[in-house]
Protein backbone atom coordinates (compact mmCIF):
# COMPACT_ATOMS: atom_id res chain seq x y z
CA MET A 1 0.16 -0.15 -0.13
CA GLY A 2 1.58 3.55 -1.15
CA LEU A 3 1.72 6.60 1.19
CA GLU A 4 -0.88 9.04 0.29
CA ARG A 5 0.34 12.80 0.90
CA ARG A 6 -2.42 15.32 1.39
CA LEU A 7 -1.87 18.75 2.11
CA SER A 8 -4.23 21.49 2.78
CA ARG A 9 -3.94 24.77 0.43
CA THR A 10 -3.81 26.72 4.10
CA MET A 11 -0.40 25.18 4.42
CA PHE A 12 0.71 27.70 1.73
CA LEU A 13 0.44 31.90 1.10
CA ASN A 14 -1.84 32.71 -1.86
CA THR A 15 1.38 34.81 -2.79
CA GLU A 16 3.82 31.87 -2.24
CA ILE A 17 5.84 30.31 -5.17
CA VAL A 18 5.38 26.89 -5.45
CA GLU A 19 5.72 23.56 -7.35
CA LEU A 20 2.97 21.40 -9.22
CA ARG A 21 5.17 17.49 -9.45
CA GLN A 22 2.71 16.60 -11.89
CA MET A 23 -0.22 17.29 -14.45
CA CYS A 24 -3.45 18.37 -12.68
CA PHE A 25 -6.52 18.59 -14.40
CA THR A 26 -9.64 20.69 -13.67
CA PRO A 27 -12.93 20.99 -15.78
CA GLY A 28 -11.38 23.98 -17.48
CA ARG A 29 -7.75 23.61 -17.53
CA VAL A 30 -4.83 21.52 -17.55
CA PHE A 31 -1.89 22.78 -15.28
CA GLU A 32 1.42 21.20 -16.30
CA PRO A 33 4.02 20.64 -14.10
CA GLY A 34 6.01 23.75 -12.71
CA LYS A 35 6.13 26.65 -10.38
CA TYR A 36 2.87 28.52 -9.75
CA ILE A 37 1.89 31.08 -7.53
CA ALA A 38 -0.33 29.12 -4.65
CA GLY A 39 -3.33 30.96 -5.57
CA ASP A 40 -3.21 30.51 -9.44
CA LEU A 41 -4.04 26.51 -8.32
CA PRO A 42 -6.68 24.89 -8.10
CA ASP A 43 -7.76 23.52 -4.34
CA THR A 44 -8.02 19.83 -6.23
CA ALA A 45 -3.96 20.18 -6.55
CA PHE A 46 -3.45 20.68 -2.82
CA GLU A 47 -5.43 18.12 -1.56
CA MET A 48 -4.40 15.19 -3.96
CA GLY A 49 -0.64 16.29 -2.71
CA LEU A 50 0.47 17.33 -6.04
CA VAL A 51 2.18 20.52 -4.66
CA ASP A 52 5.53 21.10 -3.04
CA LYS A 53 6.98 23.72 -1.10
CA LEU A 54 10.30 25.22 -2.67
CA PRO A 55 13.16 25.38 -0.69
CA PRO A 56 14.46 28.45 0.31
CA VAL A 57 16.37 30.93 -2.14
CA ARG A 58 19.73 31.93 -1.93
CA GLY A 59 21.02 34.61 -3.46
CA LYS A 60 18.99 37.57 -5.52
CA SER A 61 15.27 36.56 -5.07
CA GLU A 62 13.78 38.86 -7.51
CA LYS A 63 15.21 36.10 -9.98
CA ILE A 64 12.69 33.37 -8.80
CA GLY A 65 9.63 35.11 -10.84
CA ASP A 66 11.05 33.97 -13.84
CA GLY A 67 9.98 31.15 -15.70
CA LEU A 68 6.50 31.49 -14.15
CA GLU A 69 3.77 30.37 -16.34
């Protein structure tokens, strides 16, 4: 039996940049794996355990926003 990892949206700030580890399908959109602002992702992604916190940023933090979808 596999381990299930369930997280709540409340563990993340709405403005926090997080990583979506695998595709998340919703009726209106398909979310590809990558970095997103937590507030932009659906609750389903958090409930299914598809979202991870990113490690702390070292160096210039203004570059973290580059590459967001």
